[in-house]
N, C-alpha and C. Protein backbone atom coordinates (compact mmCIF):
# COMPACT_ATOMS: atom_id res chain seq x y z
N MET A 1 -2.53 22.32 -0.90
CA MET A 1 -3.50 21.39 -0.68
C MET A 1 -3.79 21.37 0.44
N ALA A 2 -3.02 21.65 1.55
CA ALA A 2 -3.53 21.98 3.24
C ALA A 2 -4.60 23.14 2.95
N GLU A 3 -3.89 24.02 2.54
CA GLU A 3 -4.46 25.33 2.34
C GLU A 3 -6.36 25.40 2.10
N ARG A 4 -6.13 24.47 0.61
CA ARG A 4 -7.41 24.22 0.15
C ARG A 4 -8.23 23.20 1.13
N LEU A 5 -7.99 22.20 1.63
CA LEU A 5 -8.34 21.48 2.82
C LEU A 5 -9.30 22.44 3.46
N CYS A 6 -8.27 23.00 4.47
CA CYS A 6 -8.90 23.98 5.56
C CYS A 6 -10.05 25.17 4.66
N LEU A 7 -10.09 25.53 3.66
CA LEU A 7 -10.96 26.43 3.25
C LEU A 7 -12.45 25.70 2.86
N ASP A 8 -11.92 24.66 2.41
CA ASP A 8 -13.41 23.64 1.36
C ASP A 8 -13.24 22.09 1.10
N LEU A 9 -12.77 21.42 2.61
CA LEU A 9 -13.05 20.10 2.55
C LEU A 9 -13.38 19.07 1.54
N ASP A 10 -15.06 19.77 1.45
CA ASP A 10 -15.00 18.66 0.61
C ASP A 10 -15.18 18.79 -1.19
N ALA A 11 -14.60 19.70 -1.48
CA ALA A 11 -13.92 20.41 -2.69
C ALA A 11 -12.33 19.54 -2.80
N ALA A 12 -11.99 20.15 -2.01
CA ALA A 12 -10.23 19.69 -1.74
C ALA A 12 -10.05 18.22 -1.31
N PHE A 13 -10.56 17.85 -1.05
CA PHE A 13 -10.78 16.11 -0.19
C PHE A 13 -10.97 15.21 -1.54
N ALA A 14 -11.89 15.51 -2.77
CA ALA A 14 -11.54 15.00 -4.30
C ALA A 14 -10.52 14.83 -4.81
N GLU A 15 -9.56 15.83 -4.69
CA GLU A 15 -8.23 15.91 -5.22
C GLU A 15 -7.22 15.14 -4.32
N VAL A 16 -7.85 14.80 -2.92
CA VAL A 16 -6.91 14.29 -2.24
C VAL A 16 -6.82 12.96 -2.60
N VAL A 17 -8.41 12.37 -3.16
CA VAL A 17 -8.29 11.35 -3.22
C VAL A 17 -7.67 10.68 -5.06
N ARG A 18 -7.75 11.88 -5.56
CA ARG A 18 -7.51 11.94 -7.09
C ARG A 18 -6.11 11.72 -7.14
N ASP A 19 -5.22 12.23 -6.07
CA ASP A 19 -3.60 12.45 -6.06
C ASP A 19 -3.29 11.36 -5.45
N HIS A 20 -4.19 10.45 -4.20
CA HIS A 20 -3.26 9.54 -3.57
C HIS A 20 -3.87 8.25 -3.78
N GLU A 21 -4.93 8.07 -4.70
CA GLU A 21 -5.65 6.68 -4.64
C GLU A 21 -4.93 5.92 -5.15
N ARG A 22 -4.14 5.91 -6.06
CA ARG A 22 -3.23 4.84 -6.53
C ARG A 22 -2.17 4.44 -5.24
N ALA A 23 -1.89 4.98 -4.83
CA ALA A 23 -0.64 4.64 -3.81
C ALA A 23 -1.20 4.04 -2.45
N VAL A 24 -2.09 4.34 -2.40
CA VAL A 24 -3.00 4.05 -1.10
C VAL A 24 -3.81 2.66 -1.59
N PHE A 25 -4.33 2.23 -2.74
CA PHE A 25 -4.45 0.94 -3.38
C PHE A 25 -3.71 0.30 -3.76
N THR A 26 -2.46 0.65 -4.55
CA THR A 26 -1.32 -0.20 -4.17
C THR A 26 -0.94 -0.82 -3.17
N THR A 27 -0.69 0.08 -1.97
CA THR A 27 -0.13 -0.40 -0.89
C THR A 27 -1.26 -1.45 -0.38
N ALA A 28 -2.78 -1.29 -0.33
CA ALA A 28 -3.49 -2.17 0.19
C ALA A 28 -3.44 -3.15 -0.90
N LEU A 29 -3.36 -3.66 -1.86
CA LEU A 29 -3.14 -4.72 -2.96
C LEU A 29 -2.07 -5.52 -2.47
N ARG A 30 -0.89 -4.82 -2.01
CA ARG A 30 0.25 -5.63 -2.14
C ARG A 30 0.01 -6.13 -0.49
N VAL A 31 -0.31 -5.67 0.25
CA VAL A 31 -0.54 -6.20 1.96
C VAL A 31 -1.53 -7.12 1.91
N SER A 32 -2.33 -6.61 1.21
CA SER A 32 -3.75 -7.82 1.46
C SER A 32 -3.57 -9.38 0.42
N GLY A 33 -3.11 -8.75 -0.76
CA GLY A 33 -3.06 -9.65 -1.64
C GLY A 33 -3.77 -9.93 -2.64
N ARG A 34 -5.06 -9.13 -2.22
CA ARG A 34 -6.49 -9.66 -2.97
C ARG A 34 -6.90 -8.37 -3.80
N ALA A 35 -7.48 -8.13 -4.60
CA ALA A 35 -7.99 -6.97 -4.74
C ALA A 35 -9.22 -6.31 -4.47
N ALA A 36 -10.14 -7.31 -3.91
CA ALA A 36 -11.42 -7.08 -3.62
C ALA A 36 -11.19 -6.38 -2.16
N ASP A 37 -10.33 -7.14 -1.90
CA ASP A 37 -9.92 -6.66 -0.01
C ASP A 37 -9.11 -5.17 -0.33
N ALA A 38 -8.18 -5.46 -1.44
CA ALA A 38 -7.78 -3.93 -1.50
C ALA A 38 -8.49 -3.02 -1.77
N GLN A 39 -9.35 -3.01 -2.12
CA GLN A 39 -10.43 -1.98 -2.99
C GLN A 39 -11.14 -0.99 -1.82
N ASP A 40 -11.94 -2.48 -0.88
CA ASP A 40 -12.12 -2.39 0.94
C ASP A 40 -11.45 -1.29 1.45
N LEU A 41 -9.96 -1.98 1.45
CA LEU A 41 -8.93 -0.93 2.59
C LEU A 41 -8.85 0.16 2.07
N ALA A 42 -8.77 0.59 0.65
CA ALA A 42 -8.51 1.93 0.19
C ALA A 42 -9.94 2.88 0.55
N ALA A 43 -11.19 2.16 -0.29
CA ALA A 43 -12.38 2.80 0.35
C ALA A 43 -12.65 3.38 2.02
N GLU A 44 -12.23 2.35 2.72
CA GLU A 44 -12.38 2.39 4.42
C GLU A 44 -11.14 3.79 4.45
N THR A 45 -9.90 3.53 3.94
CA THR A 45 -9.23 4.52 4.20
C THR A 45 -9.48 6.22 3.74
N PHE A 46 -10.15 6.13 2.92
CA PHE A 46 -10.31 7.62 2.29
C PHE A 46 -11.16 7.90 3.12
N LEU A 47 -12.61 6.88 3.63
CA LEU A 47 -13.62 7.38 4.44
C LEU A 47 -13.23 7.71 6.08
N ARG A 48 -11.96 7.08 6.80
CA ARG A 48 -11.35 7.75 7.78
C ARG A 48 -10.94 8.70 7.85
N ALA A 49 -9.91 9.03 6.41
CA ALA A 49 -9.26 9.99 6.56
C ALA A 49 -10.23 11.42 6.52
N TYR A 50 -10.91 10.93 5.27
CA TYR A 50 -12.20 12.36 5.64
C TYR A 50 -12.95 12.65 7.13
N SER A 51 -13.35 11.66 8.11
CA SER A 51 -13.86 11.91 9.15
C SER A 51 -12.84 12.29 9.86
N ALA A 52 -11.97 12.41 9.62
CA ALA A 52 -10.56 12.74 10.66
C ALA A 52 -10.71 14.26 10.83
N LEU A 53 -10.53 14.37 9.14
CA LEU A 53 -10.07 15.93 8.67
C LEU A 53 -11.30 17.10 8.88
N ARG A 54 -12.54 16.50 9.14
CA ARG A 54 -13.63 17.21 9.43
C ARG A 54 -13.29 17.65 11.03
N GLY A 55 -12.87 16.81 11.94
CA GLY A 55 -12.09 17.18 13.70
C GLY A 55 -11.20 18.27 13.73
N TYR A 56 -10.03 18.06 12.34
CA TYR A 56 -8.98 18.50 12.73
C TYR A 56 -9.18 20.48 12.52
N GLY A 57 -8.15 20.65 13.30
CA GLY A 57 -8.29 22.22 13.02
C GLY A 57 -7.34 22.75 11.98
N PRO A 58 -7.48 24.04 11.57
CA PRO A 58 -6.49 24.03 10.32
C PRO A 58 -5.04 24.22 10.29
N GLY A 59 -4.35 24.38 12.04
CA GLY A 59 -3.18 23.79 12.25
C GLY A 59 -2.74 22.53 11.88
N ARG A 60 -3.47 21.50 12.37
CA ARG A 60 -3.23 20.11 12.55
C ARG A 60 -3.40 19.97 10.75
N ILE A 61 -4.01 20.23 9.89
CA ILE A 61 -4.43 20.27 8.62
C ILE A 61 -3.03 20.69 7.99
N ARG A 62 -2.89 21.15 8.11
CA ARG A 62 -1.55 22.41 7.39
C ARG A 62 -0.15 21.40 7.92
N GLY A 63 -0.11 20.90 9.13
CA GLY A 63 1.24 20.06 9.64
C GLY A 63 0.99 18.25 9.08
N LEU A 64 -0.21 18.24 8.27
CA LEU A 64 0.01 16.55 7.88
C LEU A 64 0.58 16.41 6.53
N ARG A 65 1.53 15.46 6.51
CA ARG A 65 2.35 14.67 5.08
C ARG A 65 1.39 13.93 4.30
N MET A 66 0.55 14.36 3.81
CA MET A 66 -0.58 14.05 3.20
C MET A 66 -0.72 11.86 2.94
N ARG A 67 0.39 11.96 2.07
CA ARG A 67 0.37 10.50 1.38
C ARG A 67 0.84 9.93 2.82
N PRO A 68 1.90 9.54 3.48
CA PRO A 68 2.48 8.95 4.66
C PRO A 68 1.00 8.60 5.35
N TRP A 69 0.60 10.07 6.04
CA TRP A 69 -1.16 9.81 6.74
C TRP A 69 -1.78 8.91 6.25
N LEU A 70 -2.04 9.11 4.85
CA LEU A 70 -3.21 8.08 4.30
C LEU A 70 -2.94 6.83 4.65
N ILE A 71 -1.29 6.39 4.14
CA ILE A 71 -1.30 5.51 4.18
C ILE A 71 -1.22 4.75 5.87
N THR A 72 -0.63 5.37 6.43
CA THR A 72 -0.82 4.95 8.01
C THR A 72 -2.52 4.27 8.30
N ILE A 73 -3.25 5.49 7.52
CA ILE A 73 -4.41 4.64 7.94
C ILE A 73 -4.65 3.54 7.18
N CYS A 74 -4.44 3.80 6.37
CA CYS A 74 -5.02 2.05 5.71
C CYS A 74 -4.03 1.23 5.77
N LEU A 75 -2.81 0.89 6.63
CA LEU A 75 -2.08 -0.22 7.24
C LEU A 75 -2.87 -0.49 8.78
N ASN A 76 -3.21 0.82 9.39
CA ASN A 76 -3.48 0.81 10.90
C ASN A 76 -4.85 -0.31 10.09
N HIS A 77 -5.75 0.08 9.32
CA HIS A 77 -6.82 -0.60 8.78
C HIS A 77 -6.79 -1.84 8.84
N TRP A 78 -5.59 -2.44 7.91
CA TRP A 78 -5.59 -3.66 7.30
C TRP A 78 -4.89 -4.80 8.82
N ARG A 79 -3.89 -3.93 9.65
CA ARG A 79 -3.57 -4.74 10.90
C ARG A 79 -4.98 -4.73 11.78
N ASN A 80 -5.91 -4.24 12.16
CA ASN A 80 -6.99 -3.92 12.77
C ASN A 80 -7.62 -5.31 12.24
N GLN A 81 -7.91 -5.59 10.77
CA GLN A 81 -8.69 -6.28 9.91
C GLN A 81 -7.77 -7.98 10.00
N LEU A 82 -6.26 -7.77 10.30
CA LEU A 82 -5.91 -9.16 10.88
C LEU A 82 -6.22 -9.60 12.26
N ARG A 83 -6.50 -8.65 13.43
CA ARG A 83 -6.30 -9.09 14.51
C ARG A 83 -7.77 -9.97 14.40
N ARG A 84 -8.60 -8.96 13.65
CA ARG A 84 -10.35 -9.60 13.92
C ARG A 84 -10.41 -11.19 13.38
N ALA A 85 -9.39 -11.53 12.31
CA ALA A 85 -9.37 -12.01 11.11
C ALA A 85 -7.99 -13.61 11.85
N SER A 86 -8.19 -13.31 13.06
CA SER A 86 -6.95 -14.64 13.43
C SER A 86 -7.09 -15.70 13.69
N ARG A 87 -8.17 -15.86 13.76
CA ARG A 87 -8.37 -17.36 13.70
C ARG A 87 -9.07 -18.07 12.40
N ARG A 88 -9.22 -16.90 11.49
CA ARG A 88 -9.46 -17.84 10.49
C ARG A 88 -8.67 -18.21 9.48
N PRO A 89 -8.65 -19.11 8.62
CA PRO A 89 -7.52 -19.54 7.87
C PRO A 89 -6.82 -18.11 6.88
N ARG A 90 -5.55 -18.71 6.80
CA ARG A 90 -5.01 -17.68 5.81
C ARG A 90 -5.49 -17.17 4.48
N PRO A 91 -5.46 -15.75 4.35
CA PRO A 91 -5.81 -15.74 2.43
C PRO A 91 -5.46 -16.24 1.67
N GLU A 92 -6.23 -16.98 1.04
CA GLU A 92 -5.91 -17.25 -0.50
C GLU A 92 -4.59 -16.99 -1.60
N PRO A 93 -3.93 -17.60 -1.97
CA PRO A 93 -3.24 -16.74 -3.01
C PRO A 93 -3.64 -15.78 -3.84
N LEU A 94 -2.82 -14.85 -4.45
CA LEU A 94 -3.70 -13.52 -5.53
C LEU A 94 -4.14 -14.88 -6.46
N SER A 95 -5.23 -13.98 -6.83
CA SER A 95 -6.08 -14.72 -7.98
C SER A 95 -5.44 -13.79 -9.15
N GLU A 96 -5.56 -14.59 -10.15
CA GLU A 96 -4.96 -13.87 -11.69
C GLU A 96 -5.50 -13.01 -12.07
N THR A 97 -6.33 -12.16 -11.57
CA THR A 97 -6.99 -11.06 -11.23
C THR A 97 -6.49 -10.09 -11.23
N LEU A 98 -4.78 -10.26 -10.67
CA LEU A 98 -3.72 -9.24 -9.90
C LEU A 98 -3.50 -8.48 -10.84
N ALA A 99 -3.24 -9.14 -11.80
CA ALA A 99 -2.47 -8.00 -13.31
C ALA A 99 -3.20 -7.07 -13.66
N ASP A 100 -4.52 -7.52 -13.68
CA ASP A 100 -5.68 -6.85 -14.28
C ASP A 100 -5.88 -5.54 -13.49
N ALA A 101 -5.76 -5.58 -12.05
CA ALA A 101 -6.35 -4.39 -11.15
C ALA A 101 -5.34 -3.42 -11.02
N GLU A 102 -4.01 -3.60 -11.87
CA GLU A 102 -3.09 -2.35 -12.03
C GLU A 102 -3.42 -1.59 -13.04
N SER A 103 -2.72 -0.70 -14.02
CA SER A 103 -2.95 -0.11 -14.76
C SER A 103 -1.44 -0.97 -15.53
N THR A 104 -1.81 -1.01 -16.89
CA THR A 104 -0.61 -1.14 -17.68
C THR A 104 -0.16 0.10 -18.60
N PRO A 105 0.56 0.45 -19.63
CA PRO A 105 1.04 1.39 -20.52
C PRO A 105 0.23 0.88 -21.98
N LEU A 106 -0.94 1.75 -22.09
CA LEU A 106 -1.85 1.51 -23.26
C LEU A 106 -0.38 0.98 -24.73
N GLN A 107 0.94 1.46 -24.70
CA GLN A 107 1.77 1.23 -26.08
C GLN A 107 2.20 -0.26 -26.11
N GLU A 108 1.73 -1.10 -24.59
CA GLU A 108 2.29 -2.85 -24.38
C GLU A 108 1.37 -3.64 -25.71
N GLY A 109 2.48 -4.03 -26.20
CA GLY A 109 1.70 -5.68 -27.20
C GLY A 109 1.64 -6.46 -25.83
N PRO A 110 0.82 -7.62 -26.71
CA PRO A 110 -0.30 -8.66 -26.36
C PRO A 110 1.60 -9.46 -25.34
N GLU A 111 2.31 -9.82 -25.94
CA GLU A 111 4.10 -10.24 -25.43
C GLU A 111 4.01 -9.66 -24.32
N GLU A 112 4.26 -8.32 -24.31
CA GLU A 112 5.01 -7.24 -23.44
C GLU A 112 3.62 -7.63 -22.34
N GLY A 113 2.73 -7.13 -22.47
CA GLY A 113 1.35 -7.58 -21.63
C GLY A 113 1.30 -8.86 -20.96
N ALA A 114 1.26 -9.79 -21.36
CA ALA A 114 1.90 -11.19 -20.83
C ALA A 114 2.68 -11.68 -20.01
N ALA A 115 3.65 -10.90 -20.12
CA ALA A 115 5.33 -10.72 -19.79
C ALA A 115 4.74 -9.94 -18.31
N ARG A 116 4.68 -9.19 -18.48
CA ARG A 116 4.06 -8.47 -17.39
C ARG A 116 3.00 -8.38 -16.29
N SER A 117 2.23 -9.36 -16.86
CA SER A 117 1.24 -9.98 -15.99
C SER A 117 1.68 -11.10 -15.28
N ASP A 118 2.39 -11.87 -15.95
CA ASP A 118 3.39 -12.91 -15.12
C ASP A 118 4.10 -12.40 -14.10
N ASP A 119 5.03 -11.41 -14.54
CA ASP A 119 5.79 -11.05 -13.22
C ASP A 119 5.31 -10.01 -12.02
N ARG A 120 4.07 -9.66 -12.21
CA ARG A 120 3.27 -9.04 -11.21
C ARG A 120 2.85 -10.03 -10.81
N GLN A 121 1.95 -11.47 -11.21
CA GLN A 121 1.91 -12.75 -10.14
C GLN A 121 2.84 -13.12 -9.31
N ARG A 122 4.20 -13.31 -9.90
CA ARG A 122 4.93 -13.92 -9.40
C ARG A 122 5.35 -12.94 -8.10
N LEU A 123 5.54 -11.71 -8.29
CA LEU A 123 5.94 -10.78 -7.44
C LEU A 123 4.85 -10.87 -6.18
N ALA A 124 3.65 -10.73 -6.47
CA ALA A 124 2.73 -10.59 -5.36
C ALA A 124 2.65 -11.98 -4.23
N SER A 125 2.86 -13.31 -5.59
CA SER A 125 3.04 -14.29 -4.53
C SER A 125 3.96 -14.60 -4.04
N LEU A 126 5.52 -13.68 -4.18
CA LEU A 126 6.51 -13.70 -3.24
C LEU A 126 6.30 -12.98 -2.22
N LEU A 127 5.50 -11.62 -2.15
CA LEU A 127 5.40 -10.82 -1.23
C LEU A 127 4.49 -11.22 -0.07
N GLN A 128 3.68 -11.91 -0.64
CA GLN A 128 2.85 -12.88 0.59
C GLN A 128 3.58 -13.92 1.33
N GLU A 129 4.68 -14.13 0.93
CA GLU A 129 5.37 -15.23 1.74
C GLU A 129 6.48 -14.11 2.66
N LEU A 130 6.62 -13.16 2.79
CA LEU A 130 7.24 -12.23 3.54
C LEU A 130 6.44 -11.94 5.08
N ALA A 131 7.34 -11.99 5.75
CA ALA A 131 6.42 -11.66 7.29
C ALA A 131 5.92 -10.34 7.06
N PRO A 132 4.94 -9.81 7.75
CA PRO A 132 3.84 -8.83 7.59
C PRO A 132 5.38 -7.51 7.55
N ASN A 133 6.29 -7.26 8.18
CA ASN A 133 6.59 -5.96 8.78
C ASN A 133 7.92 -6.14 7.41
N GLN A 134 8.15 -7.06 7.06
CA GLN A 134 8.72 -6.86 5.57
C GLN A 134 8.30 -6.52 4.61
N ARG A 135 7.15 -7.22 4.19
CA ARG A 135 6.16 -7.20 3.48
C ARG A 135 5.72 -5.73 3.10
N VAL A 136 5.03 -5.00 4.49
CA VAL A 136 4.70 -3.40 4.54
C VAL A 136 6.10 -2.78 3.96
N ALA A 137 6.84 -2.73 4.74
CA ALA A 137 8.37 -1.95 4.24
C ALA A 137 8.70 -2.01 2.87
N VAL A 138 8.54 -3.33 2.66
CA VAL A 138 9.30 -3.49 0.71
C VAL A 138 8.24 -2.87 0.24
N VAL A 139 6.62 -3.26 0.37
CA VAL A 139 5.63 -2.43 -0.11
C VAL A 139 5.96 -0.56 -0.39
N LEU A 140 5.93 -0.31 0.44
CA LEU A 140 5.86 1.35 1.06
C LEU A 140 7.31 1.95 0.09
N ARG A 141 8.46 0.91 0.30
CA ARG A 141 9.75 1.84 -0.28
C ARG A 141 9.94 1.36 -1.42
N HIS A 142 9.41 0.43 -2.23
CA HIS A 142 9.62 0.09 -3.47
C HIS A 142 8.35 -0.07 -4.61
N VAL A 143 7.33 -0.10 -3.91
CA VAL A 143 5.99 -0.26 -4.49
C VAL A 143 5.46 1.54 -4.85
N VAL A 144 5.32 2.11 -3.59
CA VAL A 144 4.47 3.05 -3.61
C VAL A 144 5.87 4.38 -3.30
N GLY A 145 7.03 4.02 -3.44
CA GLY A 145 7.85 4.64 -3.46
C GLY A 145 7.93 5.89 -2.19
N LEU A 146 7.90 5.34 -1.36
CA LEU A 146 7.99 6.04 -0.17
C LEU A 146 9.26 6.24 0.12
N SER A 147 10.06 7.40 0.86
CA SER A 147 11.55 7.29 1.56
C SER A 147 11.60 6.71 2.64
N TYR A 148 13.12 6.55 3.01
CA TYR A 148 13.16 5.79 4.23
C TYR A 148 12.46 6.60 5.59
N ALA A 149 12.77 7.37 5.42
CA ALA A 149 12.29 8.11 6.49
C ALA A 149 10.64 8.29 6.70
N GLU A 150 9.77 8.56 5.38
CA GLU A 150 8.53 8.31 5.55
C GLU A 150 7.69 6.79 5.88
N VAL A 151 8.96 6.13 4.81
CA VAL A 151 8.66 4.59 5.33
C VAL A 151 8.58 4.67 7.50
N ALA A 152 9.90 4.85 7.85
CA ALA A 152 9.42 5.13 9.18
C ALA A 152 8.59 5.82 10.24
N GLU A 153 8.14 6.60 9.70
CA GLU A 153 6.84 7.59 9.93
C GLU A 153 5.90 6.47 10.14
N VAL A 154 5.46 6.22 8.65
CA VAL A 154 4.55 5.18 8.50
C VAL A 154 4.22 4.04 9.63
N LEU A 155 5.55 3.05 9.84
CA LEU A 155 5.73 2.15 10.63
C LEU A 155 5.42 2.12 12.09
N ARG A 156 5.94 3.55 12.33
CA ARG A 156 6.14 3.93 13.33
C ARG A 156 7.62 3.63 14.04
N CYS A 157 8.69 3.33 13.47
CA CYS A 157 9.87 2.83 14.24
C CYS A 157 11.28 3.73 13.59
N PRO A 158 11.94 3.76 14.31
CA PRO A 158 13.29 4.59 13.84
C PRO A 158 13.68 4.00 12.52
N GLN A 159 14.20 5.05 11.75
CA GLN A 159 14.32 5.01 10.19
C GLN A 159 15.59 3.76 10.33
N GLY A 160 16.18 3.97 11.29
CA GLY A 160 17.12 2.15 11.22
C GLY A 160 16.38 0.64 10.81
N THR A 161 15.68 0.81 11.56
CA THR A 161 14.30 -0.27 11.72
C THR A 161 13.70 -0.38 10.32
N ALA A 162 13.10 0.41 9.77
CA ALA A 162 12.75 0.64 8.48
C ALA A 162 13.93 0.17 7.70
N LYS A 163 14.54 0.63 7.18
CA LYS A 163 15.80 0.39 6.54
C LYS A 163 15.98 -1.34 6.72
N SER A 164 16.10 -1.91 7.93
CA SER A 164 16.00 -3.01 7.98
C SER A 164 15.21 -4.18 7.80
N HIS A 165 14.12 -3.64 7.55
CA HIS A 165 12.54 -4.46 7.15
C HIS A 165 13.11 -4.72 5.67
N VAL A 166 13.02 -3.33 5.26
CA VAL A 166 13.15 -3.19 3.42
C VAL A 166 14.37 -4.03 3.11
N SER A 167 15.51 -4.22 3.87
CA SER A 167 16.79 -5.10 3.63
C SER A 167 16.61 -6.48 3.35
N ARG A 168 15.83 -6.72 4.85
CA ARG A 168 15.74 -7.99 4.75
C ARG A 168 14.67 -8.85 3.63
N GLY A 169 13.32 -7.54 3.65
CA GLY A 169 12.30 -8.18 3.08
C GLY A 169 13.02 -8.56 1.48
N VAL A 170 13.86 -7.75 0.62
CA VAL A 170 14.04 -7.89 -0.21
C VAL A 170 15.01 -9.07 -0.35
N ASP A 171 15.77 -9.42 0.60
CA ASP A 171 16.80 -10.19 0.60
C ASP A 171 15.64 -11.29 0.44
N ARG A 172 15.16 -11.91 1.47
CA ARG A 172 13.99 -12.53 1.42
C ARG A 172 13.54 -12.70 0.34
N LEU A 173 12.93 -11.69 -0.63
CA LEU A 173 12.33 -11.98 -1.91
C LEU A 173 13.42 -12.46 -2.98
N ARG A 174 14.58 -12.09 -2.73
CA ARG A 174 15.80 -12.52 -4.04
C ARG A 174 15.73 -14.34 -3.47
N THR A 175 15.75 -14.30 -2.33
CA THR A 175 16.09 -15.76 -1.79
C THR A 175 14.87 -16.47 -2.42
N LEU A 176 13.77 -16.09 -2.14
CA LEU A 176 12.29 -16.77 -2.70
C LEU A 176 12.68 -17.15 -4.31
N ALA A 177 13.03 -15.86 -4.85
CA ALA A 177 12.76 -16.15 -6.48
C ALA A 177 13.88 -17.13 -6.90
N ASP A 178 15.14 -17.02 -6.41
CA ASP A 178 16.18 -18.02 -6.91
C ASP A 178 15.76 -19.39 -6.57
N GLU A 179 15.04 -19.78 -5.47
CA GLU A 179 14.42 -20.79 -4.90
C GLU A 179 13.17 -21.41 -6.20
N GLU A 180 12.80 -20.40 -6.67
CA GLU A 180 11.91 -21.28 -8.04
C GLU A 180 12.23 -21.35 -9.49
N LEU A 181 13.74 -20.65 -9.50
CA LEU A 181 14.16 -20.70 -11.07
C LEU A 181 14.59 -22.30 -10.80
N PRO A 182 14.59 -22.92 -12.03
CA PRO A 182 14.83 -24.22 -12.17
C PRO A 182 16.37 -24.22 -12.17
């Protein structure tokens, strides 16, 4: 992929978007909590990535690990938005359209689809209760599927710290889920 980007950025970048749009959108959705914000974050991520690549030399492009780099761009943009919006009230809880924002298997029947939608809504709501560093770490590790090393790279922290954020986030999710049960 890096070679294709060096030779023909425009054509190869379309492939980059196809290969990574789901991971970037999912990350954006889980950290922002709203599908519309996630779409904006994802679009801005790819726009910034394309602009950056235009200024990079072939050596730098070849050295990129594309998925962690794109997710880093997405998270940095999200953090910048949070800083700018620090005086605004907290975002609304995830809307019921969240389940529609992610694809579901075509083989699924109505009952399975409804249960899956409820599970997604519940998870999205619980994720919003986590501290931002834990939410991001959990999303990167368990939703996007990055390794701990990649999570640490994206968060710009030691791998042990990334593991700690993930572990504490998962523990907090379990506690929150247990509190919801009757």
